[in-house]
N, C-alpha and C. Protein backbone atom coordinates (compact mmCIF):
# COMPACT_ATOMS: atom_id res chain seq x y z
N UNK A 1 0.88 -1.13 -0.03
CA UNK A 1 0.05 -0.01 -0.11
C UNK A 1 0.97 1.33 0.05
N UNK A 2 0.50 2.26 -0.76
CA UNK A 2 1.20 3.42 -0.87
C UNK A 2 1.32 4.15 0.51
N UNK A 3 2.46 4.65 0.91
CA UNK A 3 2.62 5.30 2.22
C UNK A 3 1.59 6.40 2.53
N UNK A 4 1.27 7.32 1.53
CA UNK A 4 0.27 8.38 1.89
C UNK A 4 -1.09 7.74 2.22
N UNK A 5 -1.41 6.74 1.30
CA UNK A 5 -2.78 6.09 1.53
C UNK A 5 -2.81 5.40 2.92
N UNK A 6 -1.74 4.72 3.24
CA UNK A 6 -1.63 4.08 4.56
C UNK A 6 -1.90 5.14 5.67
N UNK A 7 -1.29 6.35 5.51
CA UNK A 7 -1.38 7.39 6.65
C UNK A 7 -2.87 7.71 6.70
N UNK A 8 -3.63 7.72 5.62
CA UNK A 8 -5.01 8.29 5.54
C UNK A 8 -5.77 7.31 6.43
N UNK A 9 -5.48 6.08 6.49
CA UNK A 9 -6.33 5.03 7.34
C UNK A 9 -6.38 5.41 8.78
N UNK A 10 -5.43 6.33 9.29
CA UNK A 10 -5.44 6.69 10.60
C UNK A 10 -6.16 8.09 10.90
N UNK A 11 -6.66 8.64 9.81
CA UNK A 11 -7.18 10.07 9.89
C UNK A 11 -8.71 10.07 10.17
N UNK A 12 -9.07 11.12 10.73
CA UNK A 12 -10.54 11.36 10.97
C UNK A 12 -11.26 11.77 9.61
N UNK A 13 -12.53 11.57 9.66
CA UNK A 13 -13.23 12.25 8.44
C UNK A 13 -13.01 13.70 8.17
N UNK A 14 -12.82 14.44 9.25
CA UNK A 14 -12.68 15.91 9.11
C UNK A 14 -11.13 16.15 8.57
N UNK A 15 -10.10 15.41 9.06
CA UNK A 15 -8.90 15.50 8.49
C UNK A 15 -8.80 15.14 6.91
N UNK A 16 -9.57 14.10 6.62
CA UNK A 16 -9.53 13.72 5.20
C UNK A 16 -10.21 14.79 4.36
N UNK A 17 -11.39 15.38 4.84
CA UNK A 17 -12.01 16.46 4.18
C UNK A 17 -11.13 17.57 4.02
N UNK A 18 -10.35 17.89 5.10
CA UNK A 18 -9.34 19.02 4.93
C UNK A 18 -8.37 18.86 3.86
N UNK A 19 -7.83 17.66 3.76
CA UNK A 19 -6.84 17.31 2.72
C UNK A 19 -7.68 17.38 1.26
N UNK A 20 -8.70 16.97 1.22
CA UNK A 20 -9.55 17.03 -0.01
C UNK A 20 -9.68 18.47 -0.49
N UNK A 21 -10.21 19.27 0.44
CA UNK A 21 -10.65 20.61 0.11
C UNK A 21 -9.37 21.46 -0.17
N UNK A 22 -8.25 21.08 0.27
CA UNK A 22 -7.00 21.85 -0.05
C UNK A 22 -6.37 21.47 -1.39
N UNK A 23 -6.87 20.46 -1.97
CA UNK A 23 -6.19 19.97 -3.20
C UNK A 23 -7.04 20.53 -4.41
N UNK A 24 -6.24 20.55 -5.57
CA UNK A 24 -6.92 20.79 -6.90
C UNK A 24 -7.37 19.57 -7.41
N UNK A 25 -8.26 19.57 -8.42
CA UNK A 25 -8.81 18.28 -9.17
C UNK A 25 -7.61 17.49 -9.61
N UNK A 26 -6.62 18.12 -10.20
CA UNK A 26 -5.53 17.36 -10.80
C UNK A 26 -5.93 16.75 -12.07
N UNK A 27 -5.04 15.74 -12.52
CA UNK A 27 -5.24 15.06 -13.78
C UNK A 27 -6.14 13.89 -13.52
N UNK A 28 -7.06 13.67 -14.54
CA UNK A 28 -7.86 12.47 -14.59
C UNK A 28 -7.01 11.28 -14.85
N UNK A 29 -7.04 10.26 -13.96
CA UNK A 29 -6.27 8.97 -14.18
C UNK A 29 -6.55 8.40 -15.56
N UNK A 30 -5.59 7.73 -16.00
CA UNK A 30 -5.70 6.93 -17.27
C UNK A 30 -5.09 5.56 -17.01
N UNK A 31 -5.98 4.53 -17.12
CA UNK A 31 -5.44 3.13 -17.12
C UNK A 31 -5.86 2.65 -15.81
N UNK A 32 -5.07 1.72 -15.17
CA UNK A 32 -5.46 0.96 -14.05
C UNK A 32 -5.09 1.72 -12.64
N UNK A 33 -5.99 1.60 -11.70
CA UNK A 33 -5.69 2.08 -10.29
C UNK A 33 -6.00 1.02 -9.32
N UNK A 34 -5.31 1.26 -8.24
CA UNK A 34 -5.54 0.32 -7.10
C UNK A 34 -6.48 1.04 -5.96
N UNK A 35 -7.43 0.51 -5.57
CA UNK A 35 -8.38 1.19 -4.56
C UNK A 35 -8.26 0.69 -3.24
N UNK A 36 -8.43 1.68 -2.38
CA UNK A 36 -8.41 1.37 -0.94
C UNK A 36 -9.69 2.09 -0.15
N UNK A 37 -10.61 1.19 0.20
CA UNK A 37 -11.82 1.82 1.04
C UNK A 37 -11.30 2.42 2.33
N UNK A 38 -11.78 3.59 2.71
CA UNK A 38 -11.43 4.12 3.91
C UNK A 38 -12.53 4.41 4.88
N UNK A 39 -12.59 3.82 6.07
CA UNK A 39 -13.67 4.04 6.84
C UNK A 39 -13.04 5.02 7.94
N UNK A 40 -13.19 6.27 7.51
CA UNK A 40 -12.55 7.38 8.37
C UNK A 40 -12.88 7.40 9.88
N UNK A 41 -11.89 7.59 10.86
CA UNK A 41 -12.36 7.63 12.07
C UNK A 41 -12.51 6.34 12.94
N UNK A 42 -12.42 5.38 12.25
CA UNK A 42 -12.80 3.95 12.83
C UNK A 42 -11.33 3.28 13.29
N UNK A 43 -11.32 2.72 14.43
CA UNK A 43 -10.22 2.01 15.01
C UNK A 43 -9.89 0.84 14.20
N UNK A 44 -10.89 0.31 13.36
CA UNK A 44 -10.65 -0.89 12.50
C UNK A 44 -10.60 -0.59 11.07
N UNK A 45 -10.25 0.64 10.78
CA UNK A 45 -10.17 1.13 9.34
C UNK A 45 -9.17 0.25 8.62
N UNK A 46 -8.12 -0.14 9.10
CA UNK A 46 -7.12 -0.97 8.40
C UNK A 46 -7.75 -2.31 7.96
N UNK A 47 -8.44 -2.85 8.95
CA UNK A 47 -9.05 -4.15 8.67
C UNK A 47 -10.18 -4.03 7.70
N UNK A 48 -10.99 -2.96 7.70
CA UNK A 48 -11.95 -2.90 6.63
C UNK A 48 -11.37 -2.59 5.32
N UNK A 49 -10.29 -1.87 5.21
CA UNK A 49 -9.55 -1.54 3.94
C UNK A 49 -9.04 -3.09 3.47
N UNK A 50 -8.50 -3.73 4.28
CA UNK A 50 -7.93 -5.10 3.80
C UNK A 50 -9.11 -6.07 3.37
N UNK A 51 -10.12 -6.01 4.04
CA UNK A 51 -11.31 -6.82 3.70
C UNK A 51 -11.82 -6.51 2.31
N UNK A 52 -12.11 -5.15 2.32
CA UNK A 52 -12.69 -4.69 0.98
C UNK A 52 -11.70 -4.97 -0.28
N UNK A 53 -10.55 -4.73 -0.08
CA UNK A 53 -9.54 -4.88 -1.15
C UNK A 53 -9.53 -6.49 -1.55
N UNK A 54 -9.53 -7.34 -0.52
CA UNK A 54 -9.53 -8.69 -0.79
C UNK A 54 -10.75 -9.29 -1.57
N UNK A 55 -11.87 -8.96 -0.86
CA UNK A 55 -13.20 -9.59 -1.28
C UNK A 55 -14.15 -8.87 -2.02
N UNK A 56 -13.97 -7.38 -2.17
CA UNK A 56 -14.98 -6.66 -2.71
C UNK A 56 -14.47 -5.77 -3.96
N UNK A 57 -13.74 -4.86 -3.62
CA UNK A 57 -13.33 -3.81 -4.56
C UNK A 57 -11.85 -3.61 -4.71
N UNK A 58 -11.33 -3.70 -5.86
CA UNK A 58 -9.87 -3.52 -6.02
C UNK A 58 -9.39 -2.17 -6.64
N UNK A 59 -10.31 -1.52 -7.16
CA UNK A 59 -9.99 -0.27 -7.76
C UNK A 59 -10.76 0.03 -9.08
N UNK A 60 -10.25 0.93 -9.96
CA UNK A 60 -10.90 1.25 -11.17
C UNK A 60 -10.07 1.30 -12.30
N UNK A 61 -10.56 1.13 -13.43
CA UNK A 61 -9.74 1.21 -14.73
C UNK A 61 -10.38 2.29 -15.56
N UNK A 62 -9.56 3.41 -15.75
CA UNK A 62 -10.00 4.62 -16.41
C UNK A 62 -9.57 4.57 -17.99
N UNK A 63 -10.63 4.92 -18.90
CA UNK A 63 -10.39 5.13 -20.22
C UNK A 63 -10.92 6.50 -20.59
N UNK A 64 -9.76 7.43 -20.81
CA UNK A 64 -10.03 8.79 -20.98
C UNK A 64 -9.92 8.92 -22.56
N UNK A 65 -11.19 9.21 -23.21
CA UNK A 65 -11.20 9.08 -24.62
C UNK A 65 -11.32 10.50 -25.32
N UNK A 66 -11.73 11.47 -24.47
CA UNK A 66 -12.09 12.78 -25.08
C UNK A 66 -10.71 13.32 -25.57
N UNK A 67 -10.80 14.16 -26.67
CA UNK A 67 -9.56 14.76 -27.18
C UNK A 67 -8.86 15.73 -26.30
N UNK A 68 -9.69 16.35 -25.45
CA UNK A 68 -9.10 17.19 -24.50
C UNK A 68 -8.52 16.51 -23.24
N UNK A 69 -8.75 15.12 -23.13
CA UNK A 69 -8.44 14.47 -21.84
C UNK A 69 -9.13 14.80 -20.67
N UNK A 70 -10.31 15.37 -20.86
CA UNK A 70 -11.24 15.79 -19.62
C UNK A 70 -12.39 14.99 -19.32
N UNK A 71 -12.60 14.01 -20.11
CA UNK A 71 -13.69 13.04 -19.93
C UNK A 71 -13.42 11.64 -20.39
N UNK A 72 -14.29 10.72 -19.90
CA UNK A 72 -14.16 9.46 -20.45
C UNK A 72 -15.06 8.53 -19.59
N UNK A 73 -14.64 7.23 -19.55
CA UNK A 73 -15.40 6.23 -18.70
C UNK A 73 -14.47 5.48 -17.81
N UNK A 74 -15.02 4.71 -16.95
CA UNK A 74 -14.32 3.66 -16.12
C UNK A 74 -15.08 2.57 -15.76
N UNK A 75 -14.41 1.49 -15.36
CA UNK A 75 -14.94 0.30 -14.99
C UNK A 75 -14.40 -0.04 -13.67
N UNK A 76 -15.13 -0.50 -12.66
CA UNK A 76 -14.70 -0.78 -11.41
C UNK A 76 -14.19 -2.34 -11.41
N UNK A 77 -13.20 -2.51 -10.64
CA UNK A 77 -12.75 -3.92 -10.43
C UNK A 77 -13.25 -4.47 -9.17
N UNK A 78 -14.10 -5.57 -9.34
CA UNK A 78 -14.94 -6.12 -8.25
C UNK A 78 -14.48 -7.59 -7.99
N UNK A 79 -14.48 -7.93 -6.82
CA UNK A 79 -14.23 -9.46 -6.49
C UNK A 79 -12.81 -9.80 -6.37
N UNK A 80 -12.58 -10.92 -5.69
CA UNK A 80 -11.12 -11.32 -5.54
C UNK A 80 -10.45 -11.50 -6.97
N UNK A 81 -11.10 -11.64 -7.93
CA UNK A 81 -10.49 -11.85 -9.22
C UNK A 81 -10.40 -10.63 -10.11
N UNK A 82 -10.84 -9.42 -9.55
CA UNK A 82 -10.77 -8.19 -10.25
C UNK A 82 -11.49 -8.18 -11.44
N UNK A 83 -12.83 -8.79 -11.34
CA UNK A 83 -13.69 -8.63 -12.51
C UNK A 83 -14.14 -7.27 -12.71
N UNK A 84 -14.22 -6.89 -13.94
CA UNK A 84 -14.70 -5.53 -14.34
C UNK A 84 -16.23 -5.47 -14.47
N UNK A 85 -16.77 -4.55 -13.50
CA UNK A 85 -18.20 -4.35 -13.50
C UNK A 85 -18.50 -2.91 -13.14
N UNK A 86 -19.53 -2.51 -13.41
CA UNK A 86 -20.15 -1.13 -13.01
C UNK A 86 -19.29 -0.01 -13.72
N UNK A 87 -19.92 0.37 -14.73
CA UNK A 87 -19.48 1.47 -15.62
C UNK A 87 -19.86 2.73 -15.09
N UNK A 88 -18.88 3.83 -15.27
CA UNK A 88 -19.35 5.12 -14.95
C UNK A 88 -18.76 6.21 -16.01
N UNK A 89 -19.36 7.27 -15.97
CA UNK A 89 -18.89 8.44 -16.76
C UNK A 89 -17.95 9.30 -15.90
N UNK A 90 -16.83 9.71 -16.61
CA UNK A 90 -15.89 10.51 -15.77
C UNK A 90 -15.81 11.96 -16.45
N UNK A 91 -15.75 12.92 -15.60
CA UNK A 91 -15.75 14.35 -16.15
C UNK A 91 -15.40 15.24 -14.98
N UNK A 92 -15.19 16.52 -15.27
CA UNK A 92 -15.03 17.54 -14.29
C UNK A 92 -16.20 18.30 -14.09
N UNK A 93 -16.44 18.68 -12.82
CA UNK A 93 -17.63 19.51 -12.28
C UNK A 93 -17.22 19.97 -10.95
N UNK A 94 -18.05 20.96 -10.46
CA UNK A 94 -17.82 21.38 -9.10
C UNK A 94 -18.28 20.36 -8.06
N UNK A 95 -17.47 20.19 -7.03
CA UNK A 95 -17.66 19.21 -6.04
C UNK A 95 -18.91 19.56 -5.19
N UNK A 96 -19.63 18.50 -4.78
CA UNK A 96 -20.76 18.84 -3.89
C UNK A 96 -20.24 19.04 -2.50
N UNK A 97 -19.00 18.85 -2.15
CA UNK A 97 -18.48 19.15 -0.84
C UNK A 97 -18.11 20.69 -0.74
N UNK A 98 -17.52 21.31 -1.70
CA UNK A 98 -16.97 22.62 -1.44
C UNK A 98 -17.01 23.55 -2.69
N UNK A 99 -17.65 23.04 -3.82
CA UNK A 99 -18.04 23.74 -4.95
C UNK A 99 -16.83 23.96 -5.91
N UNK A 100 -15.51 23.58 -5.38
CA UNK A 100 -14.29 23.64 -6.32
C UNK A 100 -14.42 22.54 -7.20
N UNK A 101 -13.64 22.61 -8.43
CA UNK A 101 -13.51 21.64 -9.46
C UNK A 101 -13.11 20.30 -8.83
N UNK A 102 -13.73 19.23 -9.32
CA UNK A 102 -13.26 17.91 -8.92
C UNK A 102 -13.40 17.03 -10.07
N UNK A 103 -13.03 15.78 -10.02
CA UNK A 103 -13.26 14.81 -10.98
C UNK A 103 -14.45 13.93 -10.66
N UNK A 104 -15.40 13.92 -11.31
CA UNK A 104 -16.73 13.29 -10.98
C UNK A 104 -16.64 11.88 -11.63
N UNK A 105 -17.12 10.89 -10.83
CA UNK A 105 -17.36 9.40 -11.37
C UNK A 105 -18.84 9.33 -11.14
N UNK A 106 -19.62 9.39 -12.27
CA UNK A 106 -20.98 9.35 -12.21
C UNK A 106 -21.66 8.17 -12.76
N UNK A 107 -22.36 7.45 -11.91
CA UNK A 107 -22.94 6.11 -12.22
C UNK A 107 -24.49 6.22 -12.64
N UNK A 108 -25.01 7.47 -12.69
CA UNK A 108 -26.41 7.74 -12.79
C UNK A 108 -26.96 7.22 -14.05
N UNK A 109 -26.38 7.40 -15.15
CA UNK A 109 -26.86 6.90 -16.42
C UNK A 109 -26.29 5.63 -16.94
N UNK A 110 -25.38 5.10 -16.23
CA UNK A 110 -24.53 3.83 -16.84
C UNK A 110 -24.75 2.62 -16.00
N UNK A 111 -25.27 2.76 -14.79
CA UNK A 111 -25.36 1.61 -14.02
C UNK A 111 -26.65 1.52 -13.26
N UNK A 112 -27.40 0.40 -13.46
CA UNK A 112 -28.68 0.14 -12.68
C UNK A 112 -28.45 -0.09 -11.23
N UNK A 113 -27.38 -0.69 -10.91
CA UNK A 113 -27.10 -1.00 -9.47
C UNK A 113 -26.63 0.17 -8.66
N UNK A 114 -25.80 1.01 -9.46
CA UNK A 114 -25.03 2.20 -8.58
C UNK A 114 -25.54 3.39 -9.15
N UNK A 115 -26.77 3.47 -9.64
CA UNK A 115 -27.19 4.88 -10.32
C UNK A 115 -27.35 6.06 -9.25
N UNK A 116 -27.48 5.66 -7.92
CA UNK A 116 -27.62 6.66 -6.97
C UNK A 116 -26.25 7.01 -6.41
N UNK A 117 -25.11 6.49 -6.90
CA UNK A 117 -23.74 6.70 -6.45
C UNK A 117 -23.08 7.76 -7.25
N UNK A 118 -22.37 8.74 -6.69
CA UNK A 118 -21.47 9.63 -7.25
C UNK A 118 -20.14 9.61 -6.41
N UNK A 119 -19.03 9.38 -7.19
CA UNK A 119 -17.83 9.54 -6.53
C UNK A 119 -17.16 10.82 -6.92
N UNK A 120 -16.40 11.41 -6.20
CA UNK A 120 -15.59 12.52 -6.53
C UNK A 120 -14.17 12.28 -6.11
N UNK A 121 -13.18 12.65 -6.87
CA UNK A 121 -11.76 12.39 -6.59
C UNK A 121 -10.91 13.70 -6.87
N UNK A 122 -9.92 13.81 -6.03
CA UNK A 122 -8.88 14.85 -6.28
C UNK A 122 -7.48 14.28 -6.25
N UNK A 123 -6.57 14.78 -7.11
CA UNK A 123 -5.18 14.23 -6.98
C UNK A 123 -4.51 15.00 -5.92
N UNK A 124 -4.01 14.28 -4.86
CA UNK A 124 -3.36 14.86 -3.81
C UNK A 124 -1.83 14.94 -3.91
N UNK A 125 -1.23 13.95 -4.64
CA UNK A 125 0.06 13.90 -5.13
C UNK A 125 0.04 13.11 -6.43
N UNK A 126 1.15 13.16 -7.24
CA UNK A 126 1.03 12.60 -8.52
C UNK A 126 0.72 11.08 -8.39
N UNK A 127 -0.42 10.70 -9.05
CA UNK A 127 -0.88 9.37 -9.11
C UNK A 127 -1.65 8.95 -7.89
N UNK A 128 -1.82 9.73 -6.91
CA UNK A 128 -2.58 9.40 -5.56
C UNK A 128 -3.80 10.26 -5.40
N UNK A 129 -4.85 9.65 -5.34
CA UNK A 129 -6.18 10.36 -5.40
C UNK A 129 -6.93 10.02 -4.11
N UNK A 130 -7.56 11.09 -3.54
CA UNK A 130 -8.58 10.92 -2.40
C UNK A 130 -9.92 11.08 -2.90
N UNK A 131 -10.78 10.17 -2.59
CA UNK A 131 -12.18 10.11 -3.07
C UNK A 131 -13.23 10.33 -2.09
N UNK A 132 -14.44 10.79 -2.46
CA UNK A 132 -15.53 10.86 -1.58
C UNK A 132 -16.74 10.08 -2.32
N UNK A 133 -17.42 9.25 -1.62
CA UNK A 133 -18.58 8.38 -2.21
C UNK A 133 -19.84 9.10 -1.62
N UNK A 134 -20.65 9.48 -2.54
CA UNK A 134 -22.02 10.08 -2.31
C UNK A 134 -23.15 8.99 -2.66
N UNK A 135 -24.07 8.88 -1.71
CA UNK A 135 -25.37 8.06 -1.84
C UNK A 135 -26.43 9.17 -1.97
N UNK A 136 -26.80 9.38 -3.15
CA UNK A 136 -27.64 10.60 -3.34
C UNK A 136 -26.86 11.73 -2.95
N UNK A 137 -27.35 12.58 -2.08
CA UNK A 137 -26.67 13.80 -1.48
C UNK A 137 -25.99 13.51 -0.17
N UNK A 138 -25.93 12.26 0.26
CA UNK A 138 -25.39 11.97 1.46
C UNK A 138 -23.95 11.34 1.23
N UNK A 139 -22.91 11.88 1.98
CA UNK A 139 -21.57 11.28 1.90
C UNK A 139 -21.46 10.10 2.71
N UNK A 140 -21.02 8.97 2.27
CA UNK A 140 -21.00 7.69 2.92
C UNK A 140 -19.80 7.12 3.29
N UNK A 141 -18.77 7.57 2.51
CA UNK A 141 -17.38 6.71 2.57
C UNK A 141 -16.30 7.67 1.88
N UNK A 142 -15.12 7.35 2.30
CA UNK A 142 -13.94 7.92 1.55
C UNK A 142 -13.07 6.68 0.98
N UNK A 143 -12.33 7.01 0.03
CA UNK A 143 -11.53 5.99 -0.63
C UNK A 143 -10.26 6.60 -1.20
N UNK A 144 -9.25 5.78 -1.52
CA UNK A 144 -8.05 6.33 -2.19
C UNK A 144 -7.86 5.57 -3.52
N UNK A 145 -7.33 6.09 -4.54
CA UNK A 145 -6.79 5.48 -5.77
C UNK A 145 -5.32 5.71 -6.02
N UNK A 146 -4.68 4.77 -6.41
CA UNK A 146 -3.18 4.97 -6.59
C UNK A 146 -3.09 4.40 -8.08
N UNK A 147 -2.40 5.18 -8.84
CA UNK A 147 -2.26 4.69 -10.37
C UNK A 147 -1.18 3.51 -10.36
N UNK A 148 -1.42 2.59 -11.04
CA UNK A 148 -0.58 1.46 -10.97
C UNK A 148 0.62 1.54 -12.04
N UNK A 149 0.41 2.40 -13.01
CA UNK A 149 1.33 2.44 -14.19
C UNK A 149 0.91 1.58 -15.29
N UNK A 150 -0.17 0.88 -15.15
CA UNK A 150 -0.58 0.06 -16.29
C UNK A 150 -1.62 0.82 -17.02
N UNK A 151 -1.63 0.74 -18.41
CA UNK A 151 -2.51 1.30 -19.25
C UNK A 151 -2.56 2.71 -19.45
N UNK A 152 -1.40 3.43 -19.32
CA UNK A 152 -1.36 4.80 -19.39
C UNK A 152 -1.24 5.25 -20.95
């Protein structure tokens, strides 16, 4: 696990929000990323992250196809076998958290199962992203993505 992401597992939700709010949107990832679920402020955050990584969600694969590099699609890697499911549109838009530009991962028109989910990510350092998961207008979870270097 990337050292920055590992440090986030010990932070409160407020501390993660501050990191997110101080960052610019950054570059939209291209290719494969490794995901880490973050249950902020929980004493068993590391256990949840390991369990989710092993059995549920491994990350996302981005395909940025717009000529300007500002939009595209992604597919989530799900299950211990990293099967690709749940497609989303990717584009820039103001964040629901603070109104500043963010990278939006929008499932509303591309996934029956996840249509009420919206992810937002910002690049905190090169190739390392902090994300917020929204269920409707309620924020439910934080997550991290680290670029693996595959598929750039």
